[in-house]
PDB file of all heavy atoms in Angstrom:
ATOM      1  N   GLN A   1     118.652  87.476  96.660  1.00  0.00           N
ATOM      2  CA  GLN A   1     118.133  87.406  98.022  1.00  0.00           C
ATOM      3  C   GLN A   1     116.659  86.988  98.065  1.00  0.00           C
ATOM      4  O   GLN A   1     116.009  87.073  99.114  1.00  0.00           O
ATOM      5  CB  GLN A   1     118.296  88.769  98.710  1.00  0.00           C
ATOM      6  CG  GLN A   1     119.732  89.221  98.860  1.00  0.00           C
ATOM      7  CD  GLN A   1     120.471  88.471  99.946  1.00  0.00           C
ATOM      8  OE1 GLN A   1     119.884  87.697 100.680  1.00  0.00           O
ATOM      9  NE2 GLN A   1     121.776  88.693 100.057  1.00  0.00           N
ATOM     10  N   GLY A   2     116.114  86.545  96.922  1.00  0.00           N
ATOM     11  CA  GLY A   2     114.725  86.114  96.898  1.00  0.00           C
ATOM     12  C   GLY A   2     113.733  87.256  96.922  1.00  0.00           C
ATOM     13  O   GLY A   2     112.582  87.082  97.338  1.00  0.00           O
ATOM     14  N   LEU A   3     114.153  88.432  96.438  1.00  0.00           N
ATOM     15  CA  LEU A   3     113.296  89.611  96.410  1.00  0.00           C
ATOM     16  C   LEU A   3     113.252  90.174  94.997  1.00  0.00           C
ATOM     17  O   LEU A   3     113.967  89.710  94.106  1.00  0.00           O
ATOM     18  CB  LEU A   3     113.821  90.684  97.382  1.00  0.00           C
ATOM     19  CG  LEU A   3     113.918  90.287  98.848  1.00  0.00           C
ATOM     20  CD1 LEU A   3     114.734  91.314  99.626  1.00  0.00           C
ATOM     21  CD2 LEU A   3     112.529  90.142  99.465  1.00  0.00           C
ATOM     22  N   GLY A   4     112.405  91.163  94.792  1.00  0.00           N
ATOM     23  CA  GLY A   4     112.315  91.793  93.480  1.00  0.00           C
ATOM     24  C   GLY A   4     111.687  93.167  93.580  1.00  0.00           C
ATOM     25  O   GLY A   4     111.182  93.572  94.633  1.00  0.00           O
ATOM     26  N   LEU A   5     111.722  93.891  92.457  1.00  0.00           N
ATOM     27  CA  LEU A   5     111.140  95.224  92.385  1.00  0.00           C
ATOM     28  C   LEU A   5     109.871  95.198  91.552  1.00  0.00           C
ATOM     29  O   LEU A   5     109.817  94.579  90.490  1.00  0.00           O
ATOM     30  CB  LEU A   5     112.125  96.216  91.756  1.00  0.00           C
ATOM     31  CG  LEU A   5     113.301  96.710  92.590  1.00  0.00           C
ATOM     32  CD1 LEU A   5     114.088  97.746  91.797  1.00  0.00           C
ATOM     33  CD2 LEU A   5     112.846  97.283  93.916  1.00  0.00           C
ATOM     34  N   ALA A   6     108.845  95.876  92.039  1.00  0.00           N
ATOM     35  CA  ALA A   6     107.616  96.080  91.282  1.00  0.00           C
ATOM     36  C   ALA A   6     107.393  97.582  91.188  1.00  0.00           C
ATOM     37  O   ALA A   6     107.317  98.267  92.216  1.00  0.00           O
ATOM     38  CB  ALA A   6     106.428  95.396  91.959  1.00  0.00           C
ATOM     39  N   ALA A   7     107.323  98.093  89.967  1.00  0.00           N
ATOM     40  CA  ALA A   7     107.177  99.537  89.762  1.00  0.00           C
ATOM     41  C   ALA A   7     105.707  99.899  89.624  1.00  0.00           C
ATOM     42  O   ALA A   7     104.941  99.234  88.929  1.00  0.00           O
ATOM     43  CB  ALA A   7     107.945  99.970  88.521  1.00  0.00           C
ATOM     44  N   SER A   8     105.312 100.947  90.306  1.00  0.00           N
ATOM     45  CA  SER A   8     103.962 101.485  90.165  1.00  0.00           C
ATOM     46  C   SER A   8     104.086 102.995  90.031  1.00  0.00           C
ATOM     47  O   SER A   8     104.953 103.617  90.661  1.00  0.00           O
ATOM     48  CB  SER A   8     103.088 101.123  91.369  1.00  0.00           C
ATOM     49  OG  SER A   8     103.668 101.601  92.573  1.00  0.00           O
ATOM     50  N   GLY A   9     103.243 103.582  89.191  1.00  0.00           N
ATOM     51  CA  GLY A   9     103.369 105.007  88.924  1.00  0.00           C
ATOM     52  C   GLY A   9     102.164 105.805  89.368  1.00  0.00           C
ATOM     53  O   GLY A   9     101.059 105.282  89.528  1.00  0.00           O
ATOM     54  N   ASP A  10     102.397 107.088  89.609  1.00  0.00           N
ATOM     55  CA  ASP A  10     101.330 108.024  89.907  1.00  0.00           C
ATOM     56  C   ASP A  10     101.694 109.360  89.267  1.00  0.00           C
ATOM     57  O   ASP A  10     102.672 109.459  88.523  1.00  0.00           O
ATOM     58  CB  ASP A  10     101.110 108.169  91.420  1.00  0.00           C
ATOM     59  CG  ASP A  10     102.385 108.545  92.161  1.00  0.00           C
ATOM     60  OD1 ASP A  10     103.261 109.187  91.545  1.00  0.00           O
ATOM     61  OD2 ASP A  10     102.514 108.209  93.350  1.00  0.00           O
ATOM     62  N   GLU A  11     100.909 110.389  89.565  1.00  0.00           N
ATOM     63  CA  GLU A  11     101.163 111.682  88.949  1.00  0.00           C
ATOM     64  C   GLU A  11     102.485 112.295  89.406  1.00  0.00           C
ATOM     65  O   GLU A  11     103.005 113.225  88.781  1.00  0.00           O
ATOM     66  CB  GLU A  11     100.013 112.649  89.260  1.00  0.00           C
ATOM     67  CG  GLU A  11      99.834 113.007  90.734  1.00  0.00           C
ATOM     68  CD  GLU A  11      99.067 111.952  91.512  1.00  0.00           C
ATOM     69  OE1 GLU A  11      98.678 110.935  90.885  1.00  0.00           O
ATOM     70  OE2 GLU A  11      98.840 112.148  92.717  1.00  0.00           O
ATOM     71  N   GLN A  12     103.070 111.767  90.472  1.00  0.00           N
ATOM     72  CA  GLN A  12     104.321 112.303  90.982  1.00  0.00           C
ATOM     73  C   GLN A  12     105.539 111.481  90.564  1.00  0.00           C
ATOM     74  O   GLN A  12     106.652 111.802  90.928  1.00  0.00           O
ATOM     75  CB  GLN A  12     104.263 112.383  92.512  1.00  0.00           C
ATOM     76  CG  GLN A  12     103.202 113.341  93.033  1.00  0.00           C
ATOM     77  CD  GLN A  12     103.189 113.417  94.551  1.00  0.00           C
ATOM     78  OE1 GLN A  12     103.795 112.585  95.216  1.00  0.00           O
ATOM     79  NE2 GLN A  12     102.506 114.414  95.075  1.00  0.00           N
ATOM     80  N   GLY A  13     105.313 110.409  89.803  1.00  0.00           N
ATOM     81  CA  GLY A  13     106.433 109.608  89.337  1.00  0.00           C
ATOM     82  C   GLY A  13     106.288 108.149  89.695  1.00  0.00           C
ATOM     83  O   GLY A  13     105.218 107.676  90.070  1.00  0.00           O
ATOM     84  N   THR A  14     107.383 107.417  89.565  1.00  0.00           N
ATOM     85  CA  THR A  14     107.402 105.973  89.785  1.00  0.00           C
ATOM     86  C   THR A  14     107.876 105.642  91.194  1.00  0.00           C
ATOM     87  O   THR A  14     108.810 106.255  91.704  1.00  0.00           O
ATOM     88  CB  THR A  14     108.330 105.292  88.765  1.00  0.00           C
ATOM     89  OG1 THR A  14     107.876 105.587  87.444  1.00  0.00           O
ATOM     90  CG2 THR A  14     108.340 103.781  88.960  1.00  0.00           C
ATOM     91  N   VAL A  15     107.202 104.668  91.791  1.00  0.00           N
ATOM     92  CA  VAL A  15     107.592 104.145  93.098  1.00  0.00           C
ATOM     93  C   VAL A  15     107.956 102.671  92.927  1.00  0.00           C
ATOM     94  O   VAL A  15     107.214 101.922  92.285  1.00  0.00           O
ATOM     95  CB  VAL A  15     106.459 104.298  94.131  1.00  0.00           C
ATOM     96  CG1 VAL A  15     106.851 103.646  95.449  1.00  0.00           C
ATOM     97  CG2 VAL A  15     106.115 105.759  94.338  1.00  0.00           C
ATOM     98  N   TYR A  16     109.093 102.268  93.476  1.00  0.00           N
ATOM     99  CA  TYR A  16     109.548 100.889  93.384  1.00  0.00           C
ATOM    100  C   TYR A  16     109.302 100.187  94.718  1.00  0.00           C
ATOM    101  O   TYR A  16     109.816 100.609  95.751  1.00  0.00           O
ATOM    102  CB  TYR A  16     111.029 100.833  93.024  1.00  0.00           C
ATOM    103  CG  TYR A  16     111.332 101.344  91.637  1.00  0.00           C
ATOM    104  CD1 TYR A  16     111.675 102.681  91.432  1.00  0.00           C
ATOM    105  CD2 TYR A  16     111.257 100.500  90.532  1.00  0.00           C
ATOM    106  CE1 TYR A  16     111.944 103.157  90.163  1.00  0.00           C
ATOM    107  CE2 TYR A  16     111.524 100.966  89.263  1.00  0.00           C
ATOM    108  CZ  TYR A  16     111.866 102.292  89.086  1.00  0.00           C
ATOM    109  OH  TYR A  16     112.131 102.769  87.816  1.00  0.00           O
ATOM    110  N   LYS A  17     108.511  99.119  94.655  1.00  0.00           N
ATOM    111  CA  LYS A  17     108.219  98.336  95.852  1.00  0.00           C
ATOM    112  C   LYS A  17     109.142  97.125  95.913  1.00  0.00           C
ATOM    113  O   LYS A  17     109.243  96.364  94.942  1.00  0.00           O
ATOM    114  CB  LYS A  17     106.753  97.887  95.839  1.00  0.00           C
ATOM    115  CG  LYS A  17     105.765  99.028  95.945  1.00  0.00           C
ATOM    116  CD  LYS A  17     104.330  98.536  95.992  1.00  0.00           C
ATOM    117  CE  LYS A  17     103.887  98.005  94.650  1.00  0.00           C
ATOM    118  NZ  LYS A  17     102.451  97.638  94.656  1.00  0.00           N
ATOM    119  N   VAL A  18     109.805  96.948  97.037  1.00  0.00           N
ATOM    120  CA  VAL A  18     110.658  95.781  97.256  1.00  0.00           C
ATOM    121  C   VAL A  18     109.821  94.713  97.942  1.00  0.00           C
ATOM    122  O   VAL A  18     109.364  94.893  99.069  1.00  0.00           O
ATOM    123  CB  VAL A  18     111.878  96.140  98.130  1.00  0.00           C
ATOM    124  CG1 VAL A  18     112.766  94.919  98.325  1.00  0.00           C
ATOM    125  CG2 VAL A  18     112.668  97.284  97.505  1.00  0.00           C
ATOM    126  N   ILE A  19     109.585  93.607  97.238  1.00  0.00           N
ATOM    127  CA  ILE A  19     108.699  92.576  97.769  1.00  0.00           C
ATOM    128  C   ILE A  19     109.294  91.192  97.514  1.00  0.00           C
ATOM    129  O   ILE A  19     110.144  91.026  96.627  1.00  0.00           O
ATOM    130  CB  ILE A  19     107.288  92.646  97.140  1.00  0.00           C
ATOM    131  CG1 ILE A  19     107.377  92.559  95.616  1.00  0.00           C
ATOM    132  CG2 ILE A  19     106.578  93.933  97.544  1.00  0.00           C
ATOM    133  CD1 ILE A  19     106.032  92.602  94.941  1.00  0.00           C
ATOM    134  N   PRO A  20     108.870  90.175  98.287  1.00  0.00           N
ATOM    135  CA  PRO A  20     109.353  88.812  98.058  1.00  0.00           C
ATOM    136  C   PRO A  20     109.010  88.316  96.658  1.00  0.00           C
ATOM    137  O   PRO A  20     107.993  88.691  96.076  1.00  0.00           O
ATOM    138  CB  PRO A  20     108.624  87.993  99.137  1.00  0.00           C
ATOM    139  CG  PRO A  20     108.298  88.989 100.209  1.00  0.00           C
ATOM    140  CD  PRO A  20     108.021  90.267  99.486  1.00  0.00           C
ATOM    141  N   GLU A  21     109.886  87.469  96.131  1.00  0.00           N
ATOM    142  CA  GLU A  21     109.713  86.941  94.774  1.00  0.00           C
ATOM    143  C   GLU A  21     108.335  86.324  94.555  1.00  0.00           C
ATOM    144  O   GLU A  21     107.719  86.507  93.510  1.00  0.00           O
ATOM    145  CB  GLU A  21     110.783  85.870  94.503  1.00  0.00           C
ATOM    146  CG  GLU A  21     111.801  86.289  93.489  1.00  0.00           C
ATOM    147  CD  GLU A  21     112.782  85.168  93.192  1.00  0.00           C
ATOM    148  OE1 GLU A  21     112.773  84.143  93.892  1.00  0.00           O
ATOM    149  OE2 GLU A  21     113.568  85.335  92.262  1.00  0.00           O
ATOM    150  N   GLY A  22     107.857  85.572  95.543  1.00  0.00           N
ATOM    151  CA  GLY A  22     106.600  84.858  95.381  1.00  0.00           C
ATOM    152  C   GLY A  22     105.394  85.754  95.198  1.00  0.00           C
ATOM    153  O   GLY A  22     104.349  85.299  94.723  1.00  0.00           O
ATOM    154  N   LYS A  23     105.518  87.033  95.554  1.00  0.00           N
ATOM    155  CA  LYS A  23     104.396  87.962  95.433  1.00  0.00           C
ATOM    156  C   LYS A  23     104.499  88.860  94.207  1.00  0.00           C
ATOM    157  O   LYS A  23     103.616  89.685  93.971  1.00  0.00           O
ATOM    158  CB  LYS A  23     104.298  88.826  96.690  1.00  0.00           C
ATOM    159  CG  LYS A  23     104.028  88.036  97.962  1.00  0.00           C
ATOM    160  CD  LYS A  23     103.922  88.946  99.177  1.00  0.00           C
ATOM    161  CE  LYS A  23     103.634  88.159 100.441  1.00  0.00           C
ATOM    162  NZ  LYS A  23     103.529  89.040 101.634  1.00  0.00           N
ATOM    163  N   LEU A  24     105.566  88.712  93.426  1.00  0.00           N
ATOM    164  CA  LEU A  24     105.777  89.612  92.294  1.00  0.00           C
ATOM    165  C   LEU A  24     104.695  89.480  91.235  1.00  0.00           C
ATOM    166  O   LEU A  24     104.248  90.469  90.654  1.00  0.00           O
ATOM    167  CB  LEU A  24     107.151  89.343  91.671  1.00  0.00           C
ATOM    168  CG  LEU A  24     108.361  89.936  92.387  1.00  0.00           C
ATOM    169  CD1 LEU A  24     109.652  89.486  91.721  1.00  0.00           C
ATOM    170  CD2 LEU A  24     108.276  91.443  92.423  1.00  0.00           C
ATOM    171  N   LYS A  25     104.277  88.231  90.959  1.00  0.00           N
ATOM    172  CA  LYS A  25     103.308  88.028  89.871  1.00  0.00           C
ATOM    173  C   LYS A  25     101.943  88.625  90.169  1.00  0.00           C
ATOM    174  O   LYS A  25     101.142  88.837  89.259  1.00  0.00           O
ATOM    175  CB  LYS A  25     103.177  86.536  89.552  1.00  0.00           C
ATOM    176  CG  LYS A  25     104.355  85.988  88.780  1.00  0.00           C
ATOM    177  CD  LYS A  25     104.090  84.642  88.162  1.00  0.00           C
ATOM    178  CE  LYS A  25     103.957  83.557  89.180  1.00  0.00           C
ATOM    179  NZ  LYS A  25     103.881  82.207  88.564  1.00  0.00           N
ATOM    180  N   SER A  26     101.652  88.899  91.432  1.00  0.00           N
ATOM    181  CA  SER A  26     100.365  89.504  91.784  1.00  0.00           C
ATOM    182  C   SER A  26     100.394  91.023  91.620  1.00  0.00           C
ATOM    183  O   SER A  26      99.369  91.689  91.784  1.00  0.00           O
ATOM    184  CB  SER A  26      99.992  89.156  93.226  1.00  0.00           C
ATOM    185  OG  SER A  26     100.936  89.699  94.142  1.00  0.00           O
ATOM    186  N   GLN A  27     101.562  91.558  91.272  1.00  0.00           N
ATOM    187  CA  GLN A  27     101.701  92.991  91.066  1.00  0.00           C
ATOM    188  C   GLN A  27     101.370  93.354  89.611  1.00  0.00           C
ATOM    189  O   GLN A  27     101.417  92.506  88.721  1.00  0.00           O
ATOM    190  CB  GLN A  27     103.132  93.434  91.391  1.00  0.00           C
ATOM    191  CG  GLN A  27     103.559  93.131  92.816  1.00  0.00           C
ATOM    192  CD  GLN A  27     102.728  93.879  93.839  1.00  0.00           C
ATOM    193  OE1 GLN A  27     102.515  95.074  93.737  1.00  0.00           O
ATOM    194  NE2 GLN A  27     102.265  93.157  94.848  1.00  0.00           N
ATOM    195  N   PRO A  28     101.033  94.620  89.332  1.00  0.00           N
ATOM    196  CA  PRO A  28     100.760  95.043  87.947  1.00  0.00           C
ATOM    197  C   PRO A  28     102.050  95.121  87.133  1.00  0.00           C
ATOM    198  O   PRO A  28     102.696  96.173  87.050  1.00  0.00           O
ATOM    199  CB  PRO A  28     100.119  96.430  88.129  1.00  0.00           C
ATOM    200  CG  PRO A  28     100.635  96.919  89.441  1.00  0.00           C
ATOM    201  CD  PRO A  28     100.795  95.701  90.309  1.00  0.00           C
ATOM    202  N   LEU A  29     102.443  93.995  86.544  1.00  0.00           N
ATOM    203  CA  LEU A  29     103.697  93.924  85.802  1.00  0.00           C
ATOM    204  C   LEU A  29     103.564  94.590  84.439  1.00  0.00           C
ATOM    205  O   LEU A  29     102.483  94.575  83.836  1.00  0.00           O
ATOM    206  CB  LEU A  29     104.106  92.456  85.611  1.00  0.00           C
ATOM    207  CG  LEU A  29     104.300  91.629  86.883  1.00  0.00           C
ATOM    208  CD1 LEU A  29     104.616  90.189  86.518  1.00  0.00           C
ATOM    209  CD2 LEU A  29     105.395  92.222  87.748  1.00  0.00           C
ATOM    210  N   PRO A  30     104.645  95.154  83.914  1.00  0.00           N
ATOM    211  CA  PRO A  30     104.603  95.715  82.554  1.00  0.00           C
ATOM    212  C   PRO A  30     104.402  94.614  81.525  1.00  0.00           C
ATOM    213  O   PRO A  30     104.934  93.511  81.670  1.00  0.00           O
ATOM    214  CB  PRO A  30     105.968  96.390  82.408  1.00  0.00           C
ATOM    215  CG  PRO A  30     106.838  95.722  83.423  1.00  0.00           C
ATOM    216  CD  PRO A  30     105.956  95.349  84.565  1.00  0.00           C
ATOM    217  N   ILE A  31     103.612  94.901  80.495  1.00  0.00           N
ATOM    218  CA  ILE A  31     103.269  93.915  79.467  1.00  0.00           C
ATOM    219  C   ILE A  31     103.896  94.331  78.135  1.00  0.00           C
ATOM    220  O   ILE A  31     103.805  95.494  77.732  1.00  0.00           O
ATOM    221  CB  ILE A  31     101.743  93.779  79.320  1.00  0.00           C
ATOM    222  CG1 ILE A  31     101.134  93.302  80.647  1.00  0.00           C
ATOM    223  CG2 ILE A  31     101.396  92.806  78.201  1.00  0.00           C
ATOM    224  CD1 ILE A  31      99.618  93.230  80.622  1.00  0.00           C
ATOM    225  N   PHE A  32     104.509  93.359  77.459  1.00  0.00           N
ATOM    226  CA  PHE A  32     105.161  93.607  76.178  1.00  0.00           C
ATOM    227  C   PHE A  32     104.641  92.612  75.143  1.00  0.00           C
ATOM    228  O   PHE A  32     104.159  91.535  75.489  1.00  0.00           O
ATOM    229  CB  PHE A  32     106.683  93.466  76.310  1.00  0.00           C
ATOM    230  CG  PHE A  32     107.305  94.446  77.271  1.00  0.00           C
ATOM    231  CD1 PHE A  32     107.386  94.154  78.634  1.00  0.00           C
ATOM    232  CD2 PHE A  32     107.806  95.647  76.825  1.00  0.00           C
ATOM    233  CE1 PHE A  32     107.954  95.049  79.520  1.00  0.00           C
ATOM    234  CE2 PHE A  32     108.382  96.555  77.711  1.00  0.00           C
ATOM    235  CZ  PHE A  32     108.452  96.259  79.051  1.00  0.00           C
ATOM    236  N   THR A  33     104.757  92.977  73.877  1.00  0.00           N
ATOM    237  CA  THR A  33     104.400  92.094  72.777  1.00  0.00           C
ATOM    238  C   THR A  33     105.670  91.675  72.044  1.00  0.00           C
ATOM    239  O   THR A  33     106.781  92.064  72.418  1.00  0.00           O
ATOM    240  CB  THR A  33     103.435  92.785  71.799  1.00  0.00           C
ATOM    241  OG1 THR A  33     104.106  93.912  71.197  1.00  0.00           O
ATOM    242  CG2 THR A  33     102.195  93.290  72.534  1.00  0.00           C
ATOM    243  N   GLN A  34     105.507  90.891  70.969  1.00  0.00           N
ATOM    244  CA  GLN A  34     106.667  90.457  70.201  1.00  0.00           C
ATOM    245  C   GLN A  34     107.438  91.643  69.628  1.00  0.00           C
ATOM    246  O   GLN A  34     108.661  91.603  69.518  1.00  0.00           O
ATOM    247  CB  GLN A  34     106.203  89.536  69.065  1.00  0.00           C
ATOM    248  CG  GLN A  34     105.848  88.131  69.549  1.00  0.00           C
ATOM    249  CD  GLN A  34     105.134  87.325  68.490  1.00  0.00           C
ATOM    250  OE1 GLN A  34     104.103  87.742  67.985  1.00  0.00           O
ATOM    251  NE2 GLN A  34     105.673  86.172  68.162  1.00  0.00           N
ATOM    252  N   GLU A  35     106.724  92.689  69.265  1.00  0.00           N
ATOM    253  CA  GLU A  35     107.370  93.848  68.662  1.00  0.00           C
ATOM    254  C   GLU A  35     108.134  94.680  69.695  1.00  0.00           C
ATOM    255  O   GLU A  35     108.922  95.561  69.324  1.00  0.00           O
ATOM    256  CB  GLU A  35     106.343  94.739  67.961  1.00  0.00           C
ATOM    257  CG  GLU A  35     105.709  94.117  66.717  1.00  0.00           C
ATOM    258  CD  GLU A  35     104.700  93.027  67.054  1.00  0.00           C
ATOM    259  OE1 GLU A  35     104.184  93.041  68.208  1.00  0.00           O
ATOM    260  OE2 GLU A  35     104.442  92.169  66.195  1.00  0.00           O
ATOM    261  N   ASP A  36     107.908  94.415  70.973  1.00  0.00           N
ATOM    262  CA  ASP A  36     108.517  95.227  72.029  1.00  0.00           C
ATOM    263  C   ASP A  36     109.767  94.594  72.627  1.00  0.00           C
ATOM    264  O   ASP A  36     110.234  95.028  73.685  1.00  0.00           O
ATOM    265  CB  ASP A  36     107.506  95.451  73.178  1.00  0.00           C
ATOM    266  CG  ASP A  36     106.271  96.182  72.705  1.00  0.00           C
ATOM    267  OD1 ASP A  36     106.381  96.998  71.779  1.00  0.00           O
ATOM    268  OD2 ASP A  36     105.188  95.928  73.265  1.00  0.00           O
ATOM    269  N   LEU A  37     110.326  93.581  71.983  1.00  0.00           N
ATOM    270  CA  LEU A  37     111.443  92.848  72.578  1.00  0.00           C
ATOM    271  C   LEU A  37     112.613  93.775  72.896  1.00  0.00           C
ATOM    272  O   LEU A  37     113.255  93.647  73.939  1.00  0.00           O
ATOM    273  CB  LEU A  37     111.900  91.728  71.637  1.00  0.00           C
ATOM    274  CG  LEU A  37     113.003  90.803  72.163  1.00  0.00           C
ATOM    275  CD1 LEU A  37     112.563  90.115  73.436  1.00  0.00           C
ATOM    276  CD2 LEU A  37     113.396  89.781  71.101  1.00  0.00           C
ATOM    277  N   ASP A  38     112.883  94.734  72.024  1.00  0.00           N
ATOM    278  CA  ASP A  38     114.005  95.649  72.245  1.00  0.00           C
ATOM    279  C   ASP A  38     113.716  96.661  73.353  1.00  0.00           C
ATOM    280  O   ASP A  38     114.622  97.375  73.798  1.00  0.00           O
ATOM    281  CB  ASP A  38     114.348  96.392  70.952  1.00  0.00           C
ATOM    282  CG  ASP A  38     114.893  95.455  69.876  1.00  0.00           C
ATOM    283  OD1 ASP A  38     115.448  94.401  70.246  1.00  0.00           O
ATOM    284  OD2 ASP A  38     114.745  95.769  68.683  1.00  0.00           O
ATOM    285  N   SER A  39     112.456  96.752  73.770  1.00  0.00           N
ATOM    286  CA  SER A  39     112.074  97.719  74.804  1.00  0.00           C
ATOM    287  C   SER A  39     112.051  97.117  76.202  1.00  0.00           C
ATOM    288  O   SER A  39     111.733  97.818  77.166  1.00  0.00           O
ATOM    289  CB  SER A  39     110.683  98.299  74.480  1.00  0.00           C
ATOM    290  OG  SER A  39     110.669  98.914  73.214  1.00  0.00           O
ATOM    291  N   LEU A  40     112.384  95.837  76.317  1.00  0.00           N
ATOM    292  CA  LEU A  40     112.389  95.200  77.632  1.00  0.00           C
ATOM    293  C   LEU A  40     113.415  95.873  78.549  1.00  0.00           C
ATOM    294  O   LEU A  40     114.469  96.316  78.086  1.00  0.00           O
ATOM    295  CB  LEU A  40     112.738  93.716  77.501  1.00  0.00           C
ATOM    296  CG  LEU A  40     111.681  92.798  76.893  1.00  0.00           C
ATOM    297  CD1 LEU A  40     112.258  91.404  76.700  1.00  0.00           C
ATOM    298  CD2 LEU A  40     110.447  92.738  77.761  1.00  0.00           C
ATOM    299  N   PRO A  41     113.120  95.968  79.850  1.00  0.00           N
ATOM    300  CA  PRO A  41     114.103  96.533  80.786  1.00  0.00           C
ATOM    301  C   PRO A  41     115.395  95.722  80.755  1.00  0.00           C
ATOM    302  O   PRO A  41     115.402  94.535  80.443  1.00  0.00           O
ATOM    303  CB  PRO A  41     113.405  96.409  82.141  1.00  0.00           C
ATOM    304  CG  PRO A  41     111.956  96.269  81.833  1.00  0.00           C
ATOM    305  CD  PRO A  41     111.868  95.572  80.519  1.00  0.00           C
ATOM    306  N   LYS A  42     116.497  96.357  81.091  1.00  0.00           N
ATOM    307  CA  LYS A  42     117.793  95.688  81.045  1.00  0.00           C
ATOM    308  C   LYS A  42     118.062  94.856  82.293  1.00  0.00           C
ATOM    309  O   LYS A  42     118.850  93.918  82.249  1.00  0.00           O
ATOM    310  CB  LYS A  42     118.905  96.728  80.874  1.00  0.00           C
ATOM    311  CG  LYS A  42     118.867  97.465  79.547  1.00  0.00           C
ATOM    312  CD  LYS A  42     120.016  98.452  79.440  1.00  0.00           C
ATOM    313  CE  LYS A  42     119.976  99.193  78.117  1.00  0.00           C
ATOM    314  NZ  LYS A  42     121.091 100.169  77.991  1.00  0.00           N
ATOM    315  N   GLY A  43     117.436  95.181  83.391  1.00  0.00           N
ATOM    316  CA  GLY A  43     117.747  94.519  84.653  1.00  0.00           C
ATOM    317  C   GLY A  43     116.930  93.269  84.905  1.00  0.00           C
ATOM    318  O   GLY A  43     116.235  92.758  84.023  1.00  0.00           O
ATOM    319  N   ASP A  44     117.006  92.794  86.151  1.00  0.00           N
ATOM    320  CA  ASP A  44     116.285  91.592  86.563  1.00  0.00           C
ATOM    321  C   ASP A  44     114.926  91.961  87.123  1.00  0.00           C
ATOM    322  O   ASP A  44     114.626  91.707  88.285  1.00  0.00           O
ATOM    323  CB  ASP A  44     117.101  90.821  87.608  1.00  0.00           C
ATOM    324  CG  ASP A  44     118.328  90.168  86.999  1.00  0.00           C
ATOM    325  OD1 ASP A  44     118.201  89.607  85.907  1.00  0.00           O
ATOM    326  OD2 ASP A  44     119.402  90.239  87.600  1.00  0.00           O
TER     327      ASP A  44
END
């Protein structure tokens, strides 16, 4: 549907923001290295 989830956390847990695809990259995305390939989320 041209949307996506951006997760942000606080002391009370994780909040998932539903936002348009074009704005996803401006969100604080999780960062992984080559060694973290197996730790990538399973979803989209």
